[in-house]
């Protein structure tokens, strides 16, 4: 887990930017009771910073990009779950029945 001060240094942003990104729902850190960030939060914040600074994407564009990325990751998780379930069913002793 990453503390606020370490997070700010690693992402190269100021506290005000961090607070506005949290208010926008772009980052959702844990509260224990201080804010604590994960590696995923760090990668997401670095992406946000790059989109804003390197590509000039506005806040509405960032919201859309993050929403689409979240959907994509959700679909990937679902697909991996479906593939694993199919593998389990194909293993000997699985619930899939052979030809009658």
PDB file of N, CA and C in Angstrom:
ATOM      1  N   UNK A   1       0.823  -1.181   0.000  1.00  0.00           N
ATOM      2  CA  UNK A   1       0.000   0.000   0.000  1.00  0.00           C
ATOM      3  C   UNK A   1       0.876   1.257   0.000  1.00  0.00           C
ATOM      4  N   UNK A   2       0.373   2.302  -0.605  1.00  0.00           N
ATOM      5  CA  UNK A   2       1.144   3.522  -0.826  1.00  0.00           C
ATOM      6  C   UNK A   2       0.502   4.680  -0.059  1.00  0.00           C
ATOM      7  N   UNK A   3       1.311   5.418   0.685  1.00  0.00           N
ATOM      8  CA  UNK A   3       0.817   6.568   1.442  1.00  0.00           C
ATOM      9  C   UNK A   3       0.580   7.756   0.501  1.00  0.00           C
ATOM     10  N   UNK A   4      -0.127   8.753   1.009  1.00  0.00           N
ATOM     11  CA  UNK A   4      -0.421   9.940   0.197  1.00  0.00           C
ATOM     12  C   UNK A   4       0.858  10.628  -0.271  1.00  0.00           C
ATOM     13  N   UNK A   5       1.771  10.862   0.652  1.00  0.00           N
ATOM     14  CA  UNK A   5       2.989  11.595   0.276  1.00  0.00           C
ATOM     15  C   UNK A   5       3.793  10.831  -0.772  1.00  0.00           C
ATOM     16  N   UNK A   6       3.929   9.526  -0.613  1.00  0.00           N
ATOM     17  CA  UNK A   6       4.648   8.720  -1.596  1.00  0.00           C
ATOM     18  C   UNK A   6       3.914   8.727  -2.932  1.00  0.00           C
ATOM     19  N   UNK A   7       2.588   8.632  -2.883  1.00  0.00           N
ATOM     20  CA  UNK A   7       1.760   8.626  -4.084  1.00  0.00           C
ATOM     21  C   UNK A   7       1.961   9.920  -4.876  1.00  0.00           C
ATOM     22  N   UNK A   8       1.914  11.063  -4.185  1.00  0.00           N
ATOM     23  CA  UNK A   8       2.072  12.360  -4.844  1.00  0.00           C
ATOM     24  C   UNK A   8       3.425  12.460  -5.538  1.00  0.00           C
ATOM     25  N   UNK A   9       4.458  11.970  -4.884  1.00  0.00           N
ATOM     26  CA  UNK A   9       5.807  12.018  -5.464  1.00  0.00           C
ATOM     27  C   UNK A   9       5.896  11.095  -6.677  1.00  0.00           C
ATOM     28  N   UNK A  10       5.378   9.890  -6.549  1.00  0.00           N
ATOM     29  CA  UNK A  10       5.505   8.914  -7.640  1.00  0.00           C
ATOM     30  C   UNK A  10       4.693   9.301  -8.867  1.00  0.00           C
ATOM     31  N   UNK A  11       3.554   9.962  -8.655  1.00  0.00           N
ATOM     32  CA  UNK A  11       2.713  10.360  -9.787  1.00  0.00           C
ATOM     33  C   UNK A  11       3.119  11.741 -10.319  1.00  0.00           C
ATOM     34  N   UNK A  12       3.846  12.493  -9.514  1.00  0.00           N
ATOM     35  CA  UNK A  12       4.266  13.856  -9.877  1.00  0.00           C
ATOM     36  C   UNK A  12       3.075  14.800 -10.009  1.00  0.00           C
ATOM     37  N   UNK A  13       2.205  14.791  -8.990  1.00  0.00           N
ATOM     38  CA  UNK A  13       1.073  15.712  -8.947  1.00  0.00           C
ATOM     39  C   UNK A  13       1.032  16.380  -7.575  1.00  0.00           C
ATOM     40  N   UNK A  14       0.230  17.431  -7.476  1.00  0.00           N
ATOM     41  CA  UNK A  14       0.069  18.110  -6.194  1.00  0.00           C
ATOM     42  C   UNK A  14      -1.186  17.602  -5.489  1.00  0.00           C
ATOM     43  N   UNK A  15      -1.322  17.977  -4.239  1.00  0.00           N
ATOM     44  CA  UNK A  15      -2.436  17.513  -3.407  1.00  0.00           C
ATOM     45  C   UNK A  15      -3.784  17.970  -3.980  1.00  0.00           C
ATOM     46  N   UNK A  16      -3.841  19.185  -4.505  1.00  0.00           N
ATOM     47  CA  UNK A  16      -5.092  19.699  -5.070  1.00  0.00           C
ATOM     48  C   UNK A  16      -5.559  18.830  -6.245  1.00  0.00           C
ATOM     49  N   UNK A  17      -4.635  18.465  -7.126  1.00  0.00           N
ATOM     50  CA  UNK A  17      -4.992  17.599  -8.259  1.00  0.00           C
ATOM     51  C   UNK A  17      -5.512  16.255  -7.762  1.00  0.00           C
ATOM     52  N   UNK A  18      -4.815  15.702  -6.787  1.00  0.00           N
ATOM     53  CA  UNK A  18      -5.245  14.420  -6.224  1.00  0.00           C
ATOM     54  C   UNK A  18      -6.660  14.520  -5.669  1.00  0.00           C
ATOM     55  N   UNK A  19      -6.933  15.558  -4.906  1.00  0.00           N
ATOM     56  CA  UNK A  19      -8.260  15.726  -4.316  1.00  0.00           C
ATOM     57  C   UNK A  19      -9.332  15.883  -5.389  1.00  0.00           C
ATOM     58  N   UNK A  20      -9.027  16.605  -6.464  1.00  0.00           N
ATOM     59  CA  UNK A  20     -10.028  16.760  -7.521  1.00  0.00           C
ATOM     60  C   UNK A  20     -10.238  15.459  -8.294  1.00  0.00           C
ATOM     61  N   UNK A  21      -9.187  14.657  -8.460  1.00  0.00           N
ATOM     62  CA  UNK A  21      -9.344  13.366  -9.133  1.00  0.00           C
ATOM     63  C   UNK A  21     -10.177  12.411  -8.285  1.00  0.00           C
ATOM     64  N   UNK A  22      -9.999  12.466  -6.978  1.00  0.00           N
ATOM     65  CA  UNK A  22     -10.816  11.636  -6.086  1.00  0.00           C
ATOM     66  C   UNK A  22     -12.266  12.112  -6.114  1.00  0.00           C
ATOM     67  N   UNK A  23     -12.472  13.441  -6.074  1.00  0.00           N
ATOM     68  CA  UNK A  23     -13.831  14.005  -6.123  1.00  0.00           C
ATOM     69  C   UNK A  23     -14.535  13.635  -7.429  1.00  0.00           C
ATOM     70  N   UNK A  24     -13.779  13.552  -8.522  1.00  0.00           N
ATOM     71  CA  UNK A  24     -14.354  13.192  -9.818  1.00  0.00           C
ATOM     72  C   UNK A  24     -14.651  11.694  -9.918  1.00  0.00           C
ATOM     73  N   UNK A  25     -14.153  10.915  -8.940  1.00  0.00           N
ATOM     74  CA  UNK A  25     -14.358   9.466  -8.976  1.00  0.00           C
ATOM     75  C   UNK A  25     -13.354   8.734  -9.836  1.00  0.00           C
ATOM     76  N   UNK A  26     -12.306   9.429 -10.278  1.00  0.00           N
ATOM     77  CA  UNK A  26     -11.293   8.792 -11.107  1.00  0.00           C
ATOM     78  C   UNK A  26     -10.399   7.877 -10.282  1.00  0.00           C
ATOM     79  N   UNK A  27     -10.221   8.193  -9.014  1.00  0.00           N
ATOM     80  CA  UNK A  27      -9.457   7.368  -8.084  1.00  0.00           C
ATOM     81  C   UNK A  27     -10.326   7.106  -6.871  1.00  0.00           C
ATOM     82  N   UNK A  28     -10.274   5.885  -6.367  1.00  0.00           N
ATOM     83  CA  UNK A  28     -11.058   5.531  -5.181  1.00  0.00           C
ATOM     84  C   UNK A  28     -10.129   4.815  -4.207  1.00  0.00           C
ATOM     85  N   UNK A  29      -9.345   5.602  -3.463  1.00  0.00           N
ATOM     86  CA  UNK A  29      -8.398   4.985  -2.521  1.00  0.00           C
ATOM     87  C   UNK A  29      -9.114   4.407  -1.308  1.00  0.00           C
ATOM     88  N   UNK A  30      -8.412   3.540  -0.605  1.00  0.00           N
ATOM     89  CA  UNK A  30      -8.931   3.010   0.656  1.00  0.00           C
ATOM     90  C   UNK A  30      -8.770   4.074   1.728  1.00  0.00           C
ATOM     91  N   UNK A  31      -9.622   4.034   2.733  1.00  0.00           N
ATOM     92  CA  UNK A  31      -9.514   4.962   3.857  1.00  0.00           C
ATOM     93  C   UNK A  31      -9.336   4.126   5.112  1.00  0.00           C
ATOM     94  N   UNK A  32      -8.177   4.298   5.758  1.00  0.00           N
ATOM     95  CA  UNK A  32      -7.844   3.399   6.871  1.00  0.00           C
ATOM     96  C   UNK A  32      -7.044   4.080   7.969  1.00  0.00           C
ATOM     97  N   UNK A  33      -7.382   5.061   8.693  1.00  0.00           N
ATOM     98  CA  UNK A  33      -8.322   6.155   8.412  1.00  0.00           C
ATOM     99  C   UNK A  33      -7.756   7.148   7.403  1.00  0.00           C
ATOM    100  N   UNK A  34      -6.444   7.099   7.139  1.00  0.00           N
ATOM    101  CA  UNK A  34      -5.824   7.945   6.111  1.00  0.00           C
ATOM    102  C   UNK A  34      -6.066   7.325   4.738  1.00  0.00           C
ATOM    103  N   UNK A  35      -5.895   8.117   3.702  1.00  0.00           N
ATOM    104  CA  UNK A  35      -5.998   7.578   2.350  1.00  0.00           C
ATOM    105  C   UNK A  35      -4.801   6.674   2.085  1.00  0.00           C
ATOM    106  N   UNK A  36      -5.078   5.516   1.508  1.00  0.00           N
ATOM    107  CA  UNK A  36      -4.036   4.559   1.148  1.00  0.00           C
ATOM    108  C   UNK A  36      -4.307   4.116  -0.285  1.00  0.00           C
ATOM    109  N   UNK A  37      -3.247   4.066  -1.070  1.00  0.00           N
ATOM    110  CA  UNK A  37      -3.381   3.768  -2.487  1.00  0.00           C
ATOM    111  C   UNK A  37      -2.733   2.431  -2.836  1.00  0.00           C
ATOM    112  N   UNK A  38      -3.285   1.781  -3.863  1.00  0.00           N
ATOM    113  CA  UNK A  38      -2.746   0.514  -4.352  1.00  0.00           C
ATOM    114  C   UNK A  38      -1.895   0.768  -5.596  1.00  0.00           C
ATOM    115  N   UNK A  39      -1.255  -0.272  -6.076  1.00  0.00           N
ATOM    116  CA  UNK A  39      -0.492  -0.171  -7.322  1.00  0.00           C
ATOM    117  C   UNK A  39      -1.417   0.147  -8.497  1.00  0.00           C
ATOM    118  N   UNK A  40      -2.633  -0.348  -8.439  1.00  0.00           N
ATOM    119  CA  UNK A  40      -3.609  -0.048  -9.495  1.00  0.00           C
ATOM    120  C   UNK A  40      -3.958   1.440  -9.474  1.00  0.00           C
ATOM    121  N   UNK A  41      -4.148   2.009  -8.277  1.00  0.00           N
ATOM    122  CA  UNK A  41      -4.394   3.448  -8.163  1.00  0.00           C
ATOM    123  C   UNK A  41      -3.230   4.235  -8.754  1.00  0.00           C
ATOM    124  N   UNK A  42      -2.027   3.783  -8.482  1.00  0.00           N
ATOM    125  CA  UNK A  42      -0.835   4.454  -8.982  1.00  0.00           C
ATOM    126  C   UNK A  42      -0.804   4.439 -10.513  1.00  0.00           C
ATOM    127  N   UNK A  43      -1.041   3.285 -11.109  1.00  0.00           N
ATOM    128  CA  UNK A  43      -1.038   3.172 -12.573  1.00  0.00           C
ATOM    129  C   UNK A  43      -2.142   4.034 -13.179  1.00  0.00           C
ATOM    130  N   UNK A  44      -3.300   4.029 -12.546  1.00  0.00           N
ATOM    131  CA  UNK A  44      -4.432   4.822 -13.040  1.00  0.00           C
ATOM    132  C   UNK A  44      -4.108   6.311 -12.964  1.00  0.00           C
ATOM    133  N   UNK A  45      -3.502   6.757 -11.865  1.00  0.00           N
ATOM    134  CA  UNK A  45      -3.152   8.166 -11.709  1.00  0.00           C
ATOM    135  C   UNK A  45      -2.081   8.575 -12.725  1.00  0.00           C
ATOM    136  N   UNK A  46      -1.133   7.712 -12.975  1.00  0.00           N
ATOM    137  CA  UNK A  46      -0.108   8.020 -13.972  1.00  0.00           C
ATOM    138  C   UNK A  46      -0.733   8.149 -15.357  1.00  0.00           C
ATOM    139  N   UNK A  47      -1.707   7.292 -15.660  1.00  0.00           N
ATOM    140  CA  UNK A  47      -2.427   7.394 -16.925  1.00  0.00           C
ATOM    141  C   UNK A  47      -3.177   8.727 -17.008  1.00  0.00           C
ATOM    142  N   UNK A  48      -3.870   9.090 -15.945  1.00  0.00           N
ATOM    143  CA  UNK A  48      -4.616  10.354 -15.916  1.00  0.00           C
ATOM    144  C   UNK A  48      -3.660  11.524 -16.167  1.00  0.00           C
ATOM    145  N   UNK A  49      -2.548  11.536 -15.465  1.00  0.00           N
ATOM    146  CA  UNK A  49      -1.577  12.617 -15.635  1.00  0.00           C
ATOM    147  C   UNK A  49      -1.062  12.683 -17.071  1.00  0.00           C
ATOM    148  N   UNK A  50      -0.750  11.537 -17.643  1.00  0.00           N
ATOM    149  CA  UNK A  50      -0.267  11.503 -19.026  1.00  0.00           C
ATOM    150  C   UNK A  50      -1.340  11.983 -20.004  1.00  0.00           C
ATOM    151  N   UNK A  51      -2.583  11.560 -19.790  1.00  0.00           N
ATOM    152  CA  UNK A  51      -3.661  12.003 -20.667  1.00  0.00           C
ATOM    153  C   UNK A  51      -3.813  13.524 -20.612  1.00  0.00           C
ATOM    154  N   UNK A  52      -3.761  14.073 -19.404  1.00  0.00           N
ATOM    155  CA  UNK A  52      -3.918  15.520 -19.231  1.00  0.00           C
ATOM    156  C   UNK A  52      -2.714  16.289 -19.778  1.00  0.00           C
ATOM    157  N   UNK A  53      -1.525  15.904 -19.363  1.00  0.00           N
ATOM    158  CA  UNK A  53      -0.329  16.692 -19.673  1.00  0.00           C
ATOM    159  C   UNK A  53       0.246  16.399 -21.066  1.00  0.00           C
ATOM    160  N   UNK A  54       0.338  15.141 -21.427  1.00  0.00           N
ATOM    161  CA  UNK A  54       0.982  14.785 -22.691  1.00  0.00           C
ATOM    162  C   UNK A  54       0.037  14.864 -23.895  1.00  0.00           C
ATOM    163  N   UNK A  55      -1.233  14.563 -23.662  1.00  0.00           N
ATOM    164  CA  UNK A  55      -2.175  14.509 -24.781  1.00  0.00           C
ATOM    165  C   UNK A  55      -3.226  15.619 -24.749  1.00  0.00           C
ATOM    166  N   UNK A  56      -3.276  16.386 -23.670  1.00  0.00           N
ATOM    167  CA  UNK A  56      -4.216  17.499 -23.581  1.00  0.00           C
ATOM    168  C   UNK A  56      -5.679  17.092 -23.508  1.00  0.00           C
ATOM    169  N   UNK A  57      -5.949  15.902 -22.992  1.00  0.00           N
ATOM    170  CA  UNK A  57      -7.330  15.426 -22.877  1.00  0.00           C
ATOM    171  C   UNK A  57      -8.028  16.207 -21.763  1.00  0.00           C
ATOM    172  N   UNK A  58      -9.253  16.684 -22.041  1.00  0.00           N
ATOM    173  CA  UNK A  58      -9.997  17.427 -21.025  1.00  0.00           C
ATOM    174  C   UNK A  58     -10.666  16.468 -20.035  1.00  0.00           C
ATOM    175  N   UNK A  59     -11.271  17.030 -18.991  1.00  0.00           N
ATOM    176  CA  UNK A  59     -11.843  16.207 -17.919  1.00  0.00           C
ATOM    177  C   UNK A  59     -12.944  15.273 -18.421  1.00  0.00           C
ATOM    178  N   UNK A  60     -13.791  15.758 -19.326  1.00  0.00           N
ATOM    179  CA  UNK A  60     -14.850  14.892 -19.866  1.00  0.00           C
ATOM    180  C   UNK A  60     -14.260  13.727 -20.650  1.00  0.00           C
ATOM    181  N   UNK A  61     -13.198  14.000 -21.404  1.00  0.00           N
ATOM    182  CA  UNK A  61     -12.529  12.939 -22.152  1.00  0.00           C
ATOM    183  C   UNK A  61     -11.883  11.917 -21.228  1.00  0.00           C
ATOM    184  N   UNK A  62     -11.276  12.401 -20.147  1.00  0.00           N
ATOM    185  CA  UNK A  62     -10.662  11.480 -19.190  1.00  0.00           C
ATOM    186  C   UNK A  62     -11.729  10.604 -18.542  1.00  0.00           C
ATOM    187  N   UNK A  63     -12.849  11.204 -18.168  1.00  0.00           N
ATOM    188  CA  UNK A  63     -13.937  10.410 -17.584  1.00  0.00           C
ATOM    189  C   UNK A  63     -14.390   9.314 -18.539  1.00  0.00           C
ATOM    190  N   UNK A  64     -14.535   9.654 -19.808  1.00  0.00           N
ATOM    191  CA  UNK A  64     -14.959   8.680 -20.812  1.00  0.00           C
ATOM    192  C   UNK A  64     -13.908   7.581 -20.988  1.00  0.00           C
ATOM    193  N   UNK A  65     -12.651   7.960 -21.099  1.00  0.00           N
ATOM    194  CA  UNK A  65     -11.574   6.977 -21.273  1.00  0.00           C
ATOM    195  C   UNK A  65     -11.513   6.023 -20.086  1.00  0.00           C
ATOM    196  N   UNK A  66     -11.592   6.560 -18.867  1.00  0.00           N
ATOM    197  CA  UNK A  66     -11.540   5.703 -17.678  1.00  0.00           C
ATOM    198  C   UNK A  66     -12.745   4.773 -17.609  1.00  0.00           C
ATOM    199  N   UNK A  67     -13.914   5.292 -17.981  1.00  0.00           N
ATOM    200  CA  UNK A  67     -15.127   4.456 -17.992  1.00  0.00           C
ATOM    201  C   UNK A  67     -14.962   3.290 -18.973  1.00  0.00           C
ATOM    202  N   UNK A  68     -14.456   3.593 -20.168  1.00  0.00           N
ATOM    203  CA  UNK A  68     -14.255   2.544 -21.163  1.00  0.00           C
ATOM    204  C   UNK A  68     -13.198   1.533 -20.718  1.00  0.00           C
ATOM    205  N   UNK A  69     -12.133   2.005 -20.096  1.00  0.00           N
ATOM    206  CA  UNK A  69     -11.110   1.084 -19.578  1.00  0.00           C
ATOM    207  C   UNK A  69     -11.676   0.176 -18.483  1.00  0.00           C
ATOM    208  N   UNK A  70     -12.490   0.757 -17.607  1.00  0.00           N
ATOM    209  CA  UNK A  70     -13.121  -0.049 -16.554  1.00  0.00           C
ATOM    210  C   UNK A  70     -14.018  -1.121 -17.156  1.00  0.00           C
ATOM    211  N   UNK A  71     -14.783  -0.752 -18.186  1.00  0.00           N
ATOM    212  CA  UNK A  71     -15.648  -1.729 -18.872  1.00  0.00           C
ATOM    213  C   UNK A  71     -14.811  -2.825 -19.514  1.00  0.00           C
ATOM    214  N   UNK A  72     -13.732  -2.427 -20.171  1.00  0.00           N
ATOM    215  CA  UNK A  72     -12.854  -3.392 -20.827  1.00  0.00           C
ATOM    216  C   UNK A  72     -12.276  -4.385 -19.822  1.00  0.00           C
ATOM    217  N   UNK A  73     -11.789  -3.886 -18.693  1.00  0.00           N
ATOM    218  CA  UNK A  73     -11.231  -4.780 -17.674  1.00  0.00           C
ATOM    219  C   UNK A  73     -12.312  -5.687 -17.091  1.00  0.00           C
ATOM    220  N   UNK A  74     -13.516  -5.169 -16.923  1.00  0.00           N
ATOM    221  CA  UNK A  74     -14.621  -5.993 -16.435  1.00  0.00           C
ATOM    222  C   UNK A  74     -14.960  -7.112 -17.415  1.00  0.00           C
ATOM    223  N   UNK A  75     -14.973  -6.800 -18.692  1.00  0.00           N
ATOM    224  CA  UNK A  75     -15.245  -7.817 -19.709  1.00  0.00           C
ATOM    225  C   UNK A  75     -14.130  -8.860 -19.756  1.00  0.00           C
ATOM    226  N   UNK A  76     -12.888  -8.416 -19.599  1.00  0.00           N
ATOM    227  CA  UNK A  76     -11.767  -9.367 -19.577  1.00  0.00           C
ATOM    228  C   UNK A  76     -11.891 -10.324 -18.400  1.00  0.00           C
ATOM    229  N   UNK A  77     -12.259  -9.787 -17.219  1.00  0.00           N
ATOM    230  CA  UNK A  77     -12.446 -10.657 -16.044  1.00  0.00           C
ATOM    231  C   UNK A  77     -13.558 -11.675 -16.298  1.00  0.00           C
ATOM    232  N   UNK A  78     -14.647 -11.213 -16.898  1.00  0.00           N
ATOM    233  CA  UNK A  78     -15.762 -12.121 -17.205  1.00  0.00           C
ATOM    234  C   UNK A  78     -15.331 -13.195 -18.190  1.00  0.00           C
ATOM    235  N   UNK A  79     -14.580 -12.798 -19.212  1.00  0.00           N
ATOM    236  CA  UNK A  79     -14.119 -13.744 -20.224  1.00  0.00           C
ATOM    237  C   UNK A  79     -13.178 -14.778 -19.599  1.00  0.00           C
ATOM    238  N   UNK A  80     -12.253 -14.320 -18.745  1.00  0.00           N
ATOM    239  CA  UNK A  80     -11.344 -15.259 -18.078  1.00  0.00           C
ATOM    240  C   UNK A  80     -12.135 -16.238 -17.208  1.00  0.00           C
ATOM    241  N   UNK A  81     -13.146 -15.749 -16.526  1.00  0.00           N
ATOM    242  CA  UNK A  81     -13.988 -16.625 -15.707  1.00  0.00           C
ATOM    243  C   UNK A  81     -14.710 -17.661 -16.555  1.00  0.00           C
ATOM    244  N   UNK A  82     -15.230 -17.245 -17.703  1.00  0.00           N
ATOM    245  CA  UNK A  82     -15.932 -18.170 -18.595  1.00  0.00           C
ATOM    246  C   UNK A  82     -14.975 -19.216 -19.159  1.00  0.00           C
ATOM    247  N   UNK A  83     -13.773 -18.807 -19.531  1.00  0.00           N
ATOM    248  CA  UNK A  83     -12.778 -19.745 -20.064  1.00  0.00           C
ATOM    249  C   UNK A  83     -12.380 -20.757 -18.993  1.00  0.00           C
ATOM    250  N   UNK A  84     -12.159 -20.288 -17.771  1.00  0.00           N
ATOM    251  CA  UNK A  84     -11.802 -21.207 -16.678  1.00  0.00           C
ATOM    252  C   UNK A  84     -12.924 -22.202 -16.410  1.00  0.00           C
ATOM    253  N   UNK A  85     -14.152 -21.746 -16.456  1.00  0.00           N
ATOM    254  CA  UNK A  85     -15.296 -22.647 -16.242  1.00  0.00           C
ATOM    255  C   UNK A  85     -15.360 -23.697 -17.347  1.00  0.00           C
ATOM    256  N   UNK A  86     -15.111 -23.309 -18.595  1.00  0.00           N
ATOM    257  CA  UNK A  86     -15.114 -24.277 -19.694  1.00  0.00           C
ATOM    258  C   UNK A  86     -13.992 -25.289 -19.523  1.00  0.00           C
ATOM    259  N   UNK A  87     -12.838 -24.840 -19.065  1.00  0.00           N
ATOM    260  CA  UNK A  87     -11.720 -25.768 -18.831  1.00  0.00           C
ATOM    261  C   UNK A  87     -12.061 -26.775 -17.743  1.00  0.00           C
ATOM    262  N   UNK A  88     -12.694 -26.298 -16.669  1.00  0.00           N
ATOM    263  CA  UNK A  88     -13.074 -27.208 -15.582  1.00  0.00           C
ATOM    264  C   UNK A  88     -14.069 -28.255 -16.073  1.00  0.00           C
ATOM    265  N   UNK A  89     -14.978 -27.839 -16.923  1.00  0.00           N
ATOM    266  CA  UNK A  89     -15.992 -28.771 -17.422  1.00  0.00           C
ATOM    267  C   UNK A  89     -15.397 -29.801 -18.370  1.00  0.00           C
ATOM    268  N   UNK A  90     -14.322 -29.469 -19.053  1.00  0.00           N
ATOM    269  CA  UNK A  90     -13.696 -30.391 -20.003  1.00  0.00           C
ATOM    270  C   UNK A  90     -12.738 -31.363 -19.333  1.00  0.00           C
ATOM    271  N   UNK A  91     -12.338 -31.105 -18.096  1.00  0.00           N
ATOM    272  CA  UNK A  91     -11.420 -31.992 -17.398  1.00  0.00           C
ATOM    273  C   UNK A  91     -12.130 -33.292 -17.038  1.00  0.00           C
ATOM    274  N   UNK A  92     -11.379 -34.408 -16.963  1.00  0.00           N
ATOM    275  CA  UNK A  92     -11.988 -35.675 -16.557  1.00  0.00           C
ATOM    276  C   UNK A  92     -12.674 -35.504 -15.205  1.00  0.00           C
ATOM    277  N   UNK A  93     -13.869 -36.017 -15.136  1.00  0.00           N
ATOM    278  CA  UNK A  93     -14.631 -35.897 -13.888  1.00  0.00           C
ATOM    279  C   UNK A  93     -15.433 -34.604 -13.839  1.00  0.00           C
ATOM    280  N   UNK A  94     -15.326 -33.786 -14.902  1.00  0.00           N
ATOM    281  CA  UNK A  94     -16.090 -32.542 -14.982  1.00  0.00           C
ATOM    282  C   UNK A  94     -17.551 -32.842 -15.234  1.00  0.00           C
ATOM    283  N   UNK A  95     -18.382 -31.840 -15.259  1.00  0.00           N
ATOM    284  CA  UNK A  95     -19.821 -32.066 -15.396  1.00  0.00           C
ATOM    285  C   UNK A  95     -20.255 -32.218 -16.854  1.00  0.00           C
ATOM    286  N   UNK A  96     -19.374 -32.012 -17.822  1.00  0.00           N
ATOM    287  CA  UNK A  96     -19.749 -32.146 -19.233  1.00  0.00           C
ATOM    288  C   UNK A  96     -19.884 -33.612 -19.584  1.00  0.00           C
ATOM    289  N   UNK A  97     -20.985 -33.975 -20.227  1.00  0.00           N
ATOM    290  CA  UNK A  97     -21.233 -35.360 -20.591  1.00  0.00           C
ATOM    291  C   UNK A  97     -20.756 -35.601 -22.014  1.00  0.00           C
ATOM    292  N   UNK A  98     -20.280 -36.796 -22.264  1.00  0.00           N
ATOM    293  CA  UNK A  98     -19.822 -37.172 -23.610  1.00  0.00           C
ATOM    294  C   UNK A  98     -20.996 -37.551 -24.486  1.00  0.00           C
ATOM    295  N   UNK A  99     -20.714 -38.026 -25.703  1.00  0.00           N
ATOM    296  CA  UNK A  99     -21.789 -38.421 -26.633  1.00  0.00           C
ATOM    297  C   UNK A  99     -22.555 -39.611 -26.079  1.00  0.00           C
ATOM    298  N   UNK A 100     -23.841 -39.615 -26.352  1.00  0.00           N
ATOM    299  CA  UNK A 100     -24.699 -40.686 -25.835  1.00  0.00           C
ATOM    300  C   UNK A 100     -24.727 -41.871 -26.737  1.00  0.00           C
TER     301      UNK A 100
END
